[in-house]
């Protein structure tokens, strides 16, 4: 939902600013936000958050107890602010946006490689190395299979897509023939 992302962005940026000290702190915040996000998505918790009779202090305590008492003072304050501003339900988006900010700060981009057939380890390693050289960053890669590509691969790094699939080439030829 675009609206939830819009609501979540300032909170993710605030959390990132609080965590910006070192990679250990960033990793801890990322883990905490993922855990809090998982708590938020539980049906019982969604019902509790949506209940107008729920008191802010009770919601904060539930999150503090569910986290096992492993929250720093900043993280406890962060949860309190989310409770007060009725933004607990956007915690999954906050966690996702925080992870994007963390990856950008660490110089890591997400790449999705879709192949018509399973790629062997050597081919995948070479492909990732070439993409990392092209984009001058480290890549966190996910690989998917899509037999509809017919052959070849389709690679998406950030917003850029490189379609080297047979299906993509056939589609390009069809467009060229129509023009």
N, C-alpha and C. Protein backbone atom coordinates (compact mmCIF):
# COMPACT_ATOMS: atom_id res chain seq x y z
N UNK A 1 0.83 -1.18 0.00
CA UNK A 1 0.00 0.00 0.00
C UNK A 1 0.87 1.24 0.00
N UNK A 2 0.63 2.11 -0.94
CA UNK A 2 1.42 3.35 -1.04
C UNK A 2 1.21 4.22 0.18
N UNK A 3 0.00 4.26 0.69
CA UNK A 3 -0.28 5.11 1.85
C UNK A 3 0.53 4.65 3.07
N UNK A 4 0.58 3.35 3.31
CA UNK A 4 1.35 2.84 4.44
C UNK A 4 2.84 3.14 4.29
N UNK A 5 3.35 3.03 3.08
CA UNK A 5 4.76 3.35 2.85
C UNK A 5 5.02 4.82 3.13
N UNK A 6 4.08 5.67 2.71
CA UNK A 6 4.22 7.11 2.96
C UNK A 6 4.20 7.39 4.45
N UNK A 7 3.34 6.71 5.19
CA UNK A 7 3.29 6.89 6.64
C UNK A 7 4.53 6.34 7.32
N UNK A 8 5.06 5.24 6.79
CA UNK A 8 6.18 4.56 7.43
C UNK A 8 7.52 5.24 7.19
N UNK A 9 7.68 5.91 6.04
CA UNK A 9 8.98 6.46 5.65
C UNK A 9 9.62 7.35 6.74
N UNK A 10 8.92 8.35 7.30
CA UNK A 10 9.59 9.18 8.30
C UNK A 10 10.02 8.41 9.54
N UNK A 11 9.25 7.39 9.92
CA UNK A 11 9.62 6.58 11.08
C UNK A 11 10.83 5.72 10.78
N UNK A 12 10.89 5.16 9.57
CA UNK A 12 12.05 4.36 9.17
C UNK A 12 13.30 5.23 9.14
N UNK A 13 13.17 6.44 8.61
CA UNK A 13 14.31 7.36 8.56
C UNK A 13 14.75 7.78 9.95
N UNK A 14 13.79 7.99 10.85
CA UNK A 14 14.13 8.35 12.23
C UNK A 14 14.85 7.20 12.92
N UNK A 15 14.35 5.98 12.74
CA UNK A 15 15.00 4.81 13.33
C UNK A 15 16.41 4.66 12.77
N UNK A 16 16.55 4.89 11.48
CA UNK A 16 17.86 4.78 10.85
C UNK A 16 18.83 5.82 11.43
N UNK A 17 18.36 7.04 11.64
CA UNK A 17 19.22 8.07 12.23
C UNK A 17 19.64 7.69 13.65
N UNK A 18 18.74 7.07 14.40
CA UNK A 18 19.08 6.63 15.76
C UNK A 18 20.12 5.51 15.73
N UNK A 19 20.04 4.66 14.71
CA UNK A 19 20.89 3.47 14.64
C UNK A 19 22.19 3.69 13.88
N UNK A 20 22.35 4.83 13.28
CA UNK A 20 23.42 5.07 12.31
C UNK A 20 24.84 4.89 12.83
N UNK A 21 25.05 4.68 14.10
CA UNK A 21 26.38 4.61 14.68
C UNK A 21 27.33 3.60 14.06
N UNK A 22 26.97 2.32 14.07
CA UNK A 22 27.85 1.29 13.54
C UNK A 22 27.02 0.18 12.90
N UNK A 23 27.70 -0.71 12.21
CA UNK A 23 26.97 -1.79 11.54
C UNK A 23 26.33 -2.74 12.55
N UNK A 24 26.94 -2.90 13.73
CA UNK A 24 26.36 -3.74 14.77
C UNK A 24 25.03 -3.16 15.24
N UNK A 25 25.01 -1.84 15.42
CA UNK A 25 23.78 -1.17 15.88
C UNK A 25 22.72 -1.26 14.78
N UNK A 26 23.11 -1.05 13.52
CA UNK A 26 22.17 -1.17 12.41
C UNK A 26 21.57 -2.57 12.35
N UNK A 27 22.41 -3.57 12.52
CA UNK A 27 21.95 -4.96 12.47
C UNK A 27 20.98 -5.24 13.61
N UNK A 28 21.29 -4.72 14.80
CA UNK A 28 20.40 -4.94 15.96
C UNK A 28 19.05 -4.28 15.72
N UNK A 29 19.05 -3.05 15.22
CA UNK A 29 17.79 -2.37 14.92
C UNK A 29 17.00 -3.14 13.86
N UNK A 30 17.68 -3.64 12.87
CA UNK A 30 17.01 -4.40 11.82
C UNK A 30 16.34 -5.64 12.39
N UNK A 31 17.04 -6.35 13.27
CA UNK A 31 16.48 -7.54 13.91
C UNK A 31 15.28 -7.17 14.77
N UNK A 32 15.41 -6.10 15.54
CA UNK A 32 14.32 -5.68 16.42
C UNK A 32 13.09 -5.28 15.61
N UNK A 33 13.30 -4.50 14.56
CA UNK A 33 12.17 -4.08 13.73
C UNK A 33 11.50 -5.28 13.06
N UNK A 34 12.29 -6.26 12.64
CA UNK A 34 11.71 -7.47 12.03
C UNK A 34 10.87 -8.23 13.05
N UNK A 35 11.39 -8.32 14.27
CA UNK A 35 10.66 -9.02 15.34
C UNK A 35 9.37 -8.28 15.69
N UNK A 36 9.45 -6.96 15.83
CA UNK A 36 8.27 -6.16 16.14
C UNK A 36 7.25 -6.23 15.01
N UNK A 37 7.74 -6.28 13.78
CA UNK A 37 6.88 -6.40 12.62
C UNK A 37 6.14 -7.73 12.66
N UNK A 38 6.84 -8.80 13.00
CA UNK A 38 6.21 -10.12 13.10
C UNK A 38 5.14 -10.14 14.18
N UNK A 39 5.40 -9.46 15.29
CA UNK A 39 4.41 -9.37 16.36
C UNK A 39 3.17 -8.64 15.85
N UNK A 40 3.39 -7.56 15.13
CA UNK A 40 2.30 -6.72 14.64
C UNK A 40 1.38 -7.47 13.68
N UNK A 41 1.93 -8.37 12.90
CA UNK A 41 1.12 -9.06 11.88
C UNK A 41 0.30 -10.22 12.43
N UNK A 42 0.49 -10.56 13.71
CA UNK A 42 -0.31 -11.61 14.31
C UNK A 42 -1.77 -11.15 14.41
N UNK A 43 -2.72 -12.00 14.01
CA UNK A 43 -4.13 -11.59 14.01
C UNK A 43 -4.62 -11.06 15.37
N UNK A 44 -4.15 -11.69 16.45
CA UNK A 44 -4.56 -11.24 17.78
C UNK A 44 -4.06 -9.82 18.05
N UNK A 45 -2.84 -9.54 17.59
CA UNK A 45 -2.26 -8.22 17.82
C UNK A 45 -2.95 -7.17 16.96
N UNK A 46 -3.27 -7.52 15.72
CA UNK A 46 -3.99 -6.58 14.84
C UNK A 46 -5.32 -6.21 15.49
N UNK A 47 -5.99 -7.22 16.06
CA UNK A 47 -7.27 -6.96 16.73
C UNK A 47 -7.07 -6.07 17.96
N UNK A 48 -6.03 -6.34 18.72
CA UNK A 48 -5.74 -5.55 19.92
C UNK A 48 -5.41 -4.10 19.55
N UNK A 49 -4.63 -3.91 18.51
CA UNK A 49 -4.25 -2.55 18.07
C UNK A 49 -5.48 -1.80 17.59
N UNK A 50 -6.37 -2.48 16.89
CA UNK A 50 -7.56 -1.85 16.35
C UNK A 50 -8.66 -1.63 17.37
N UNK A 51 -8.53 -2.21 18.54
CA UNK A 51 -9.55 -2.08 19.58
C UNK A 51 -9.48 -0.69 20.20
N UNK A 52 -10.56 0.09 20.12
CA UNK A 52 -10.54 1.44 20.68
C UNK A 52 -10.39 1.45 22.21
N UNK A 53 -10.63 0.32 22.85
CA UNK A 53 -10.50 0.25 24.31
C UNK A 53 -9.06 0.00 24.74
N UNK A 54 -8.17 -0.31 23.80
CA UNK A 54 -6.77 -0.55 24.13
C UNK A 54 -6.13 0.76 24.56
N UNK A 55 -5.41 0.69 25.66
CA UNK A 55 -4.73 1.86 26.20
C UNK A 55 -3.29 1.85 25.68
N UNK A 56 -2.78 3.04 25.36
CA UNK A 56 -1.43 3.16 24.80
C UNK A 56 -0.39 2.48 25.68
N UNK A 57 -0.49 2.66 26.97
CA UNK A 57 0.47 2.04 27.89
C UNK A 57 0.45 0.53 27.82
N UNK A 58 -0.75 -0.03 27.65
CA UNK A 58 -0.87 -1.48 27.54
C UNK A 58 -0.20 -1.99 26.27
N UNK A 59 -0.44 -1.30 25.15
CA UNK A 59 0.18 -1.71 23.89
C UNK A 59 1.70 -1.64 23.98
N UNK A 60 2.21 -0.58 24.57
CA UNK A 60 3.67 -0.45 24.72
C UNK A 60 4.21 -1.60 25.54
N UNK A 61 3.54 -1.93 26.66
CA UNK A 61 4.00 -3.02 27.52
C UNK A 61 3.97 -4.36 26.77
N UNK A 62 2.92 -4.58 25.97
CA UNK A 62 2.83 -5.83 25.21
C UNK A 62 4.05 -5.97 24.30
N UNK A 63 4.41 -4.89 23.61
CA UNK A 63 5.57 -4.95 22.70
C UNK A 63 6.88 -5.13 23.48
N UNK A 64 7.00 -4.45 24.61
CA UNK A 64 8.22 -4.58 25.40
C UNK A 64 8.37 -6.00 25.93
N UNK A 65 7.27 -6.58 26.40
CA UNK A 65 7.32 -7.95 26.91
C UNK A 65 7.56 -8.95 25.78
N UNK A 66 6.91 -8.74 24.65
CA UNK A 66 7.07 -9.67 23.52
C UNK A 66 8.49 -9.65 22.96
N UNK A 67 9.18 -8.53 23.12
CA UNK A 67 10.55 -8.45 22.61
C UNK A 67 11.55 -9.07 23.58
N UNK A 68 11.09 -9.56 24.69
CA UNK A 68 11.98 -10.23 25.64
C UNK A 68 12.87 -9.28 26.42
N UNK A 69 12.49 -8.04 26.53
CA UNK A 69 13.27 -7.07 27.29
C UNK A 69 14.61 -6.73 26.65
N UNK A 70 14.75 -6.94 25.36
CA UNK A 70 16.02 -6.70 24.67
C UNK A 70 16.05 -5.38 23.94
N UNK A 71 15.13 -4.49 24.25
CA UNK A 71 15.09 -3.21 23.56
C UNK A 71 15.92 -2.16 24.29
N UNK A 72 16.64 -1.38 23.50
CA UNK A 72 17.39 -0.27 24.08
C UNK A 72 16.41 0.84 24.46
N UNK A 73 16.90 1.85 25.15
CA UNK A 73 16.05 2.98 25.54
C UNK A 73 15.48 3.66 24.29
N UNK A 74 16.31 3.83 23.26
CA UNK A 74 15.85 4.45 22.02
C UNK A 74 14.75 3.62 21.36
N UNK A 75 14.90 2.32 21.37
CA UNK A 75 13.90 1.44 20.76
C UNK A 75 12.60 1.46 21.55
N UNK A 76 12.70 1.53 22.87
CA UNK A 76 11.50 1.63 23.70
C UNK A 76 10.77 2.94 23.42
N UNK A 77 11.52 4.02 23.29
CA UNK A 77 10.92 5.32 22.98
C UNK A 77 10.27 5.28 21.59
N UNK A 78 10.94 4.61 20.66
CA UNK A 78 10.42 4.49 19.30
C UNK A 78 9.06 3.80 19.31
N UNK A 79 8.96 2.70 20.05
CA UNK A 79 7.69 1.98 20.15
C UNK A 79 6.63 2.87 20.78
N UNK A 80 7.00 3.59 21.82
CA UNK A 80 6.04 4.49 22.48
C UNK A 80 5.50 5.54 21.52
N UNK A 81 6.38 6.07 20.69
CA UNK A 81 5.96 7.08 19.70
C UNK A 81 5.02 6.45 18.67
N UNK A 82 5.33 5.24 18.23
CA UNK A 82 4.44 4.56 17.27
C UNK A 82 3.06 4.32 17.89
N UNK A 83 3.05 3.94 19.16
CA UNK A 83 1.78 3.70 19.85
C UNK A 83 1.00 5.00 19.95
N UNK A 84 1.65 6.05 20.41
CA UNK A 84 0.99 7.35 20.59
C UNK A 84 0.43 7.90 19.28
N UNK A 85 1.15 7.69 18.18
CA UNK A 85 0.74 8.22 16.88
C UNK A 85 -0.11 7.23 16.08
N UNK A 86 -0.49 6.11 16.70
CA UNK A 86 -1.33 5.10 16.05
C UNK A 86 -0.69 4.61 14.74
N UNK A 87 0.58 4.27 14.82
CA UNK A 87 1.32 3.81 13.63
C UNK A 87 1.87 2.39 13.77
N UNK A 88 1.38 1.65 14.74
CA UNK A 88 1.89 0.28 14.93
C UNK A 88 1.65 -0.60 13.71
N UNK A 89 0.53 -0.40 13.04
CA UNK A 89 0.20 -1.26 11.90
C UNK A 89 1.12 -1.05 10.70
N UNK A 90 1.90 0.02 10.69
CA UNK A 90 2.84 0.22 9.58
C UNK A 90 4.25 -0.29 9.92
N UNK A 91 4.38 -1.01 11.04
CA UNK A 91 5.69 -1.57 11.40
C UNK A 91 6.30 -2.45 10.32
N UNK A 92 5.53 -3.29 9.60
CA UNK A 92 6.16 -4.07 8.53
C UNK A 92 6.79 -3.17 7.46
N UNK A 93 6.12 -2.09 7.10
CA UNK A 93 6.68 -1.17 6.10
C UNK A 93 7.89 -0.43 6.67
N UNK A 94 7.83 -0.07 7.95
CA UNK A 94 8.97 0.59 8.59
C UNK A 94 10.18 -0.33 8.55
N UNK A 95 9.98 -1.60 8.90
CA UNK A 95 11.09 -2.56 8.89
C UNK A 95 11.67 -2.71 7.49
N UNK A 96 10.81 -2.79 6.49
CA UNK A 96 11.27 -2.93 5.10
C UNK A 96 12.06 -1.70 4.65
N UNK A 97 11.53 -0.52 4.92
CA UNK A 97 12.22 0.71 4.53
C UNK A 97 13.54 0.87 5.28
N UNK A 98 13.56 0.49 6.55
CA UNK A 98 14.79 0.54 7.34
C UNK A 98 15.85 -0.35 6.70
N UNK A 99 15.45 -1.56 6.31
CA UNK A 99 16.40 -2.48 5.68
C UNK A 99 16.93 -1.93 4.36
N UNK A 100 16.09 -1.22 3.62
CA UNK A 100 16.56 -0.58 2.38
C UNK A 100 17.59 0.51 2.70
N UNK A 101 17.31 1.33 3.70
CA UNK A 101 18.26 2.38 4.11
C UNK A 101 19.57 1.76 4.58
N UNK A 102 19.48 0.69 5.34
CA UNK A 102 20.66 -0.02 5.84
C UNK A 102 21.49 -0.57 4.68
N UNK A 103 20.82 -1.19 3.72
CA UNK A 103 21.52 -1.75 2.56
C UNK A 103 22.21 -0.65 1.76
N UNK A 104 21.54 0.47 1.56
CA UNK A 104 22.15 1.59 0.83
C UNK A 104 23.37 2.12 1.56
N UNK A 105 23.28 2.22 2.88
CA UNK A 105 24.41 2.72 3.66
C UNK A 105 25.60 1.76 3.60
N UNK A 106 25.31 0.49 3.48
CA UNK A 106 26.36 -0.53 3.41
C UNK A 106 26.83 -0.78 1.98
N UNK A 107 26.24 -0.08 1.01
CA UNK A 107 26.62 -0.26 -0.38
C UNK A 107 26.14 -1.56 -0.97
N UNK A 108 25.02 -2.03 -0.51
CA UNK A 108 24.46 -3.30 -0.99
C UNK A 108 23.15 -3.02 -1.71
N UNK A 109 22.98 -3.64 -2.88
CA UNK A 109 21.73 -3.52 -3.62
C UNK A 109 21.12 -4.90 -3.75
N UNK A 110 19.82 -4.92 -3.94
CA UNK A 110 19.11 -6.18 -4.14
C UNK A 110 19.04 -6.47 -5.64
N UNK A 111 19.34 -7.69 -6.00
CA UNK A 111 19.24 -8.11 -7.40
C UNK A 111 18.36 -9.36 -7.46
N UNK A 112 17.51 -9.37 -8.45
CA UNK A 112 16.68 -10.55 -8.68
C UNK A 112 17.02 -11.10 -10.05
N UNK A 113 17.46 -12.33 -10.07
CA UNK A 113 17.80 -12.99 -11.32
C UNK A 113 16.75 -14.07 -11.58
N UNK A 114 16.08 -13.94 -12.71
CA UNK A 114 15.06 -14.91 -13.09
C UNK A 114 15.59 -15.67 -14.30
N UNK A 115 15.55 -16.98 -14.21
CA UNK A 115 16.09 -17.82 -15.27
C UNK A 115 15.04 -18.84 -15.71
N UNK A 116 15.14 -19.23 -16.97
CA UNK A 116 14.24 -20.24 -17.49
C UNK A 116 14.59 -21.62 -16.94
N UNK A 117 15.87 -21.84 -16.63
CA UNK A 117 16.35 -23.11 -16.13
C UNK A 117 17.23 -22.87 -14.91
N UNK A 118 17.39 -23.87 -14.04
CA UNK A 118 18.27 -23.70 -12.88
C UNK A 118 19.70 -23.35 -13.31
N UNK A 119 20.29 -22.37 -12.61
CA UNK A 119 21.67 -21.96 -12.90
C UNK A 119 22.62 -22.74 -12.02
N UNK A 120 23.72 -23.23 -12.59
CA UNK A 120 24.71 -23.90 -11.76
C UNK A 120 25.48 -22.85 -10.97
N UNK A 121 26.18 -23.28 -9.94
CA UNK A 121 26.86 -22.35 -9.03
C UNK A 121 27.90 -21.48 -9.74
N UNK A 122 28.66 -22.06 -10.65
CA UNK A 122 29.70 -21.30 -11.35
C UNK A 122 29.08 -20.21 -12.23
N UNK A 123 28.01 -20.54 -12.94
CA UNK A 123 27.35 -19.55 -13.79
C UNK A 123 26.77 -18.42 -12.95
N UNK A 124 26.12 -18.78 -11.86
CA UNK A 124 25.53 -17.77 -10.98
C UNK A 124 26.63 -16.88 -10.38
N UNK A 125 27.72 -17.48 -9.97
CA UNK A 125 28.83 -16.71 -9.38
C UNK A 125 29.40 -15.72 -10.40
N UNK A 126 29.59 -16.17 -11.63
CA UNK A 126 30.11 -15.29 -12.69
C UNK A 126 29.12 -14.16 -13.00
N UNK A 127 27.86 -14.49 -13.07
CA UNK A 127 26.83 -13.50 -13.35
C UNK A 127 26.78 -12.43 -12.26
N UNK A 128 26.83 -12.86 -11.01
CA UNK A 128 26.82 -11.92 -9.88
C UNK A 128 28.08 -11.06 -9.90
N UNK A 129 29.22 -11.64 -10.19
CA UNK A 129 30.46 -10.87 -10.25
C UNK A 129 30.39 -9.80 -11.34
N UNK A 130 29.85 -10.14 -12.49
CA UNK A 130 29.70 -9.16 -13.57
C UNK A 130 28.74 -8.04 -13.19
N UNK A 131 27.64 -8.39 -12.54
CA UNK A 131 26.68 -7.38 -12.11
C UNK A 131 27.27 -6.47 -11.04
N UNK A 132 28.03 -7.05 -10.11
CA UNK A 132 28.67 -6.25 -9.06
C UNK A 132 29.68 -5.28 -9.66
N UNK A 133 30.41 -5.73 -10.68
CA UNK A 133 31.36 -4.84 -11.35
C UNK A 133 30.62 -3.73 -12.10
N UNK A 134 29.53 -4.08 -12.75
CA UNK A 134 28.77 -3.10 -13.52
C UNK A 134 28.17 -2.02 -12.61
N UNK A 135 27.63 -2.43 -11.46
CA UNK A 135 26.96 -1.49 -10.57
C UNK A 135 27.84 -0.98 -9.43
N UNK A 136 29.07 -1.44 -9.37
CA UNK A 136 30.05 -1.00 -8.36
C UNK A 136 29.49 -1.11 -6.94
N UNK A 137 28.93 -2.25 -6.63
CA UNK A 137 28.40 -2.48 -5.29
C UNK A 137 28.32 -3.98 -5.05
N UNK A 138 28.05 -4.32 -3.80
CA UNK A 138 27.78 -5.71 -3.48
C UNK A 138 26.30 -5.96 -3.74
N UNK A 139 25.97 -7.18 -4.11
CA UNK A 139 24.59 -7.52 -4.40
C UNK A 139 24.08 -8.60 -3.47
N UNK A 140 22.86 -8.44 -3.05
CA UNK A 140 22.13 -9.48 -2.32
C UNK A 140 21.19 -10.06 -3.37
N UNK A 141 21.43 -11.30 -3.75
CA UNK A 141 20.76 -11.89 -4.92
C UNK A 141 19.70 -12.91 -4.51
N UNK A 142 18.57 -12.82 -5.19
CA UNK A 142 17.57 -13.88 -5.12
C UNK A 142 17.40 -14.43 -6.53
N UNK A 143 17.27 -15.73 -6.63
CA UNK A 143 17.14 -16.39 -7.93
C UNK A 143 15.76 -17.04 -8.01
N UNK A 144 15.09 -16.80 -9.13
CA UNK A 144 13.78 -17.39 -9.37
C UNK A 144 13.80 -18.14 -10.70
N UNK A 145 12.94 -19.12 -10.79
CA UNK A 145 12.78 -19.86 -12.05
C UNK A 145 11.46 -19.46 -12.69
N UNK A 146 11.51 -19.22 -13.99
CA UNK A 146 10.30 -18.90 -14.76
C UNK A 146 10.42 -19.54 -16.14
N UNK A 147 9.84 -20.72 -16.32
CA UNK A 147 9.95 -21.42 -17.60
C UNK A 147 9.38 -20.64 -18.78
N UNK A 148 8.52 -19.64 -18.50
CA UNK A 148 7.94 -18.85 -19.58
C UNK A 148 8.97 -17.95 -20.27
N UNK A 149 10.16 -17.81 -19.68
CA UNK A 149 11.22 -17.02 -20.33
C UNK A 149 11.78 -17.75 -21.55
N UNK A 150 11.51 -19.02 -21.68
CA UNK A 150 11.95 -19.90 -22.76
C UNK A 150 13.44 -20.21 -22.64
N UNK A 151 14.27 -19.22 -22.48
CA UNK A 151 15.71 -19.39 -22.31
C UNK A 151 16.31 -18.08 -21.86
N UNK A 152 17.56 -18.11 -21.40
CA UNK A 152 18.23 -16.90 -20.96
C UNK A 152 17.84 -16.48 -19.56
N UNK A 153 18.17 -15.22 -19.21
CA UNK A 153 17.89 -14.70 -17.88
C UNK A 153 17.33 -13.29 -17.96
N UNK A 154 16.67 -12.91 -16.92
CA UNK A 154 16.18 -11.55 -16.74
C UNK A 154 16.72 -11.10 -15.39
N UNK A 155 17.43 -9.96 -15.36
CA UNK A 155 18.06 -9.49 -14.14
C UNK A 155 17.52 -8.11 -13.78
N UNK A 156 17.14 -7.95 -12.52
CA UNK A 156 16.66 -6.67 -12.03
C UNK A 156 17.55 -6.26 -10.86
N UNK A 157 18.19 -5.10 -11.00
CA UNK A 157 19.02 -4.54 -9.94
C UNK A 157 18.45 -3.17 -9.62
N UNK A 158 17.86 -3.06 -8.44
CA UNK A 158 17.18 -1.81 -8.11
C UNK A 158 16.04 -1.60 -9.08
N UNK A 159 16.04 -0.44 -9.74
CA UNK A 159 14.98 -0.12 -10.69
C UNK A 159 15.34 -0.49 -12.13
N UNK A 160 16.55 -0.96 -12.35
CA UNK A 160 17.01 -1.27 -13.71
C UNK A 160 16.83 -2.75 -14.02
N UNK A 161 16.30 -3.03 -15.20
CA UNK A 161 16.06 -4.41 -15.63
C UNK A 161 16.86 -4.68 -16.90
N UNK A 162 17.56 -5.79 -16.89
CA UNK A 162 18.29 -6.26 -18.07
C UNK A 162 17.62 -7.56 -18.49
N UNK A 163 16.96 -7.53 -19.63
CA UNK A 163 16.23 -8.71 -20.10
C UNK A 163 17.02 -9.38 -21.21
N UNK A 164 17.69 -10.47 -20.86
CA UNK A 164 18.45 -11.25 -21.83
C UNK A 164 17.77 -12.60 -22.04
N UNK A 165 16.45 -12.60 -21.93
CA UNK A 165 15.70 -13.83 -22.11
C UNK A 165 15.22 -13.95 -23.55
N UNK A 166 14.94 -15.15 -23.97
CA UNK A 166 14.41 -15.39 -25.31
C UNK A 166 13.04 -14.72 -25.44
N UNK A 167 12.24 -14.85 -24.41
CA UNK A 167 10.92 -14.23 -24.43
C UNK A 167 11.02 -12.71 -24.60
N UNK A 168 11.96 -12.08 -23.90
CA UNK A 168 12.16 -10.64 -24.01
C UNK A 168 12.62 -10.23 -25.40
N UNK A 169 13.50 -11.03 -25.98
CA UNK A 169 13.99 -10.73 -27.33
C UNK A 169 12.86 -10.90 -28.37
N UNK A 170 12.03 -11.92 -28.18
CA UNK A 170 10.88 -12.12 -29.08
C UNK A 170 9.89 -10.95 -28.97
N UNK A 171 9.68 -10.47 -27.76
CA UNK A 171 8.77 -9.34 -27.55
C UNK A 171 9.34 -8.08 -28.22
N UNK A 172 10.65 -7.87 -28.08
CA UNK A 172 11.30 -6.72 -28.72
C UNK A 172 11.19 -6.81 -30.24
N UNK A 173 11.37 -8.01 -30.79
CA UNK A 173 11.24 -8.19 -32.24
C UNK A 173 9.81 -7.92 -32.70
N UNK A 174 8.84 -8.36 -31.93
CA UNK A 174 7.43 -8.14 -32.29
C UNK A 174 7.12 -6.64 -32.33
N UNK A 175 7.65 -5.90 -31.37
CA UNK A 175 7.43 -4.45 -31.33
C UNK A 175 8.11 -3.80 -32.53
N UNK A 176 9.33 -4.24 -32.84
CA UNK A 176 10.06 -3.67 -33.98
C UNK A 176 9.33 -3.94 -35.29
N UNK A 177 8.77 -5.10 -35.43
CA UNK A 177 8.04 -5.45 -36.65
C UNK A 177 6.75 -4.64 -36.79
N UNK A 178 6.11 -4.33 -35.66
CA UNK A 178 4.88 -3.54 -35.70
C UNK A 178 5.17 -2.10 -36.10
N UNK A 179 6.33 -1.60 -35.73
CA UNK A 179 6.68 -0.21 -36.04
C UNK A 179 7.21 -0.17 -37.45
